[in-house]
Amino acid sequence: MGILSRFSEYQVGKQKLIDYRRGHNDNEFVEQVITKNLTEKKQYEDLIQRIKIDLKRQIKATILTTHTTRRPIHSTGRHHKKSV
């Protein structure tokens, strides 16, 4: 199961854990679930960090590409025509 699928099930699992904890005294099971959830939370945070870094890189590349492909503008506000 992918990380995004697990993320969509996280809130449901959290509520089930709360309900289970109210009706049972099996703290070992509860601790296992909490440990598993912490591991998955760390994976979500890592994924978000990688997405953030990649988006910044893409935005920076787009800005650099945009600025280097424009023709210079003279003080008259017109684009400078390249000599042929």
C-alpha atoms as a PDB file:
ATOM      1  CA  MET A   1       0.000   0.000   0.000  1.00  0.00           C
ATOM      2  CA  GLY A   2       1.405   3.411  -0.932  1.00  0.00           C
ATOM      3  CA  ILE A   3       2.140   6.144   1.525  1.00  0.00           C
ATOM      4  CA  LEU A   4      -0.662   8.362   0.236  1.00  0.00           C
ATOM      5  CA  SER A   5      -3.206   5.561   0.619  1.00  0.00           C
ATOM      6  CA  ARG A   6      -2.074   4.993   4.194  1.00  0.00           C
ATOM      7  CA  PHE A   7      -2.321   8.721   4.847  1.00  0.00           C
ATOM      8  CA  SER A   8      -5.972   8.757   3.742  1.00  0.00           C
ATOM      9  CA  GLU A   9      -6.684   5.978   6.250  1.00  0.00           C
ATOM     10  CA  TYR A  10      -4.791   7.641   9.094  1.00  0.00           C
ATOM     11  CA  GLN A  11      -7.717   9.501  10.686  1.00  0.00           C
ATOM     12  CA  VAL A  12      -9.947   6.404  10.600  1.00  0.00           C
ATOM     13  CA  GLY A  13      -7.188   4.363  12.240  1.00  0.00           C
ATOM     14  CA  LYS A  14      -6.653   7.041  14.849  1.00  0.00           C
ATOM     15  CA  GLN A  15     -10.325   6.954  15.836  1.00  0.00           C
ATOM     16  CA  LYS A  16     -10.311   3.142  15.955  1.00  0.00           C
ATOM     17  CA  LEU A  17      -7.280   3.270  18.245  1.00  0.00           C
ATOM     18  CA  ILE A  18      -9.051   5.691  20.588  1.00  0.00           C
ATOM     19  CA  ASP A  19     -12.147   3.458  20.642  1.00  0.00           C
ATOM     20  CA  TYR A  20      -9.997   0.345  21.218  1.00  0.00           C
ATOM     21  CA  ARG A  21      -8.112   1.976  24.060  1.00  0.00           C
ATOM     22  CA  ARG A  22     -11.407   2.805  25.811  1.00  0.00           C
ATOM     23  CA  GLY A  23     -12.634  -0.805  25.680  1.00  0.00           C
ATOM     24  CA  HIS A  24      -9.426  -2.789  26.209  1.00  0.00           C
ATOM     25  CA  ASN A  25      -6.443  -2.844  28.487  1.00  0.00           C
ATOM     26  CA  ASP A  26      -4.032  -4.217  25.862  1.00  0.00           C
ATOM     27  CA  ASN A  27      -1.412  -1.483  26.127  1.00  0.00           C
ATOM     28  CA  GLU A  28       1.138  -3.528  24.167  1.00  0.00           C
ATOM     29  CA  PHE A  29      -1.106  -3.521  21.077  1.00  0.00           C
ATOM     30  CA  VAL A  30      -1.794   0.205  21.491  1.00  0.00           C
ATOM     31  CA  GLU A  31       1.933   0.937  21.770  1.00  0.00           C
ATOM     32  CA  GLN A  32       2.633  -1.114  18.615  1.00  0.00           C
ATOM     33  CA  VAL A  33       0.036   0.888  16.691  1.00  0.00           C
ATOM     34  CA  ILE A  34       1.431   4.172  18.002  1.00  0.00           C
ATOM     35  CA  THR A  35       4.963   3.144  17.002  1.00  0.00           C
ATOM     36  CA  LYS A  36       3.749   2.162  13.529  1.00  0.00           C
ATOM     37  CA  ASN A  37       1.922   5.490  13.199  1.00  0.00           C
ATOM     38  CA  LEU A  38       5.038   7.423  14.219  1.00  0.00           C
ATOM     39  CA  THR A  39       7.035   5.594  11.558  1.00  0.00           C
ATOM     40  CA  GLU A  40       4.433   6.440   8.913  1.00  0.00           C
ATOM     41  CA  LYS A  41       4.269  10.045  10.124  1.00  0.00           C
ATOM     42  CA  LYS A  42       8.026  10.299   9.613  1.00  0.00           C
ATOM     43  CA  GLN A  43       7.591   8.937   6.065  1.00  0.00           C
ATOM     44  CA  TYR A  44       4.922  11.596   5.371  1.00  0.00           C
ATOM     45  CA  GLU A  45       7.205  14.321   6.666  1.00  0.00           C
ATOM     46  CA  ASP A  46      10.097  13.052   4.541  1.00  0.00           C
ATOM     47  CA  LEU A  47       7.864  12.945   1.461  1.00  0.00           C
ATOM     48  CA  ILE A  48       6.607  16.478   2.074  1.00  0.00           C
ATOM     49  CA  GLN A  49      10.184  17.698   2.516  1.00  0.00           C
ATOM     50  CA  ARG A  50      11.258  16.063  -0.773  1.00  0.00           C
ATOM     51  CA  ILE A  51       8.269  17.623  -2.571  1.00  0.00           C
ATOM     52  CA  LYS A  52       9.097  21.028  -1.079  1.00  0.00           C
ATOM     53  CA  ILE A  53      12.738  20.822  -2.219  1.00  0.00           C
ATOM     54  CA  ASP A  54      11.722  19.651  -5.703  1.00  0.00           C
ATOM     55  CA  LEU A  55       9.128  22.411  -6.112  1.00  0.00           C
ATOM     56  CA  LYS A  56      11.643  25.065  -5.071  1.00  0.00           C
ATOM     57  CA  ARG A  57      14.146  23.643  -7.563  1.00  0.00           C
ATOM     58  CA  GLN A  58      11.543  23.682 -10.354  1.00  0.00           C
ATOM     59  CA  ILE A  59      10.446  27.239  -9.554  1.00  0.00           C
ATOM     60  CA  LYS A  60      14.055  28.430  -9.461  1.00  0.00           C
ATOM     61  CA  ALA A  61      14.786  26.742 -12.803  1.00  0.00           C
ATOM     62  CA  THR A  62      11.666  28.305 -14.343  1.00  0.00           C
ATOM     63  CA  ILE A  63      12.634  31.761 -13.101  1.00  0.00           C
ATOM     64  CA  LEU A  64      16.198  31.402 -14.379  1.00  0.00           C
ATOM     65  CA  THR A  65      14.999  30.114 -17.746  1.00  0.00           C
ATOM     66  CA  THR A  66      12.452  32.918 -18.061  1.00  0.00           C
ATOM     67  CA  HIS A  67      14.996  35.621 -17.247  1.00  0.00           C
ATOM     68  CA  THR A  68      17.681  34.300 -19.585  1.00  0.00           C
ATOM     69  CA  THR A  69      15.384  33.891 -22.589  1.00  0.00           C
ATOM     70  CA  ARG A  70      13.925  37.417 -22.519  1.00  0.00           C
ATOM     71  CA  ARG A  71      15.333  40.103 -24.738  1.00  0.00           C
ATOM     72  CA  PRO A  72      16.708  43.171 -22.936  1.00  0.00           C
ATOM     73  CA  ILE A  73      14.346  46.152 -22.673  1.00  0.00           C
ATOM     74  CA  HIS A  74      15.688  49.621 -23.499  1.00  0.00           C
ATOM     75  CA  SER A  75      14.762  52.670 -21.461  1.00  0.00           C
ATOM     76  CA  THR A  76      12.075  53.383 -24.097  1.00  0.00           C
ATOM     77  CA  GLY A  77      10.212  50.292 -22.924  1.00  0.00           C
ATOM     78  CA  ARG A  78      10.720  48.509 -26.253  1.00  0.00           C
ATOM     79  CA  HIS A  79      12.451  45.193 -26.671  1.00  0.00           C
ATOM     80  CA  HIS A  80      15.879  45.448 -28.191  1.00  0.00           C
ATOM     81  CA  LYS A  81      15.946  43.876 -31.638  1.00  0.00           C
ATOM     82  CA  LYS A  82      18.839  41.564 -32.263  1.00  0.00           C
ATOM     83  CA  SER A  83      21.094  42.450 -35.163  1.00  0.00           C
ATOM     84  CA  VAL A  84      21.110  40.019 -37.997  1.00  0.00           C
END
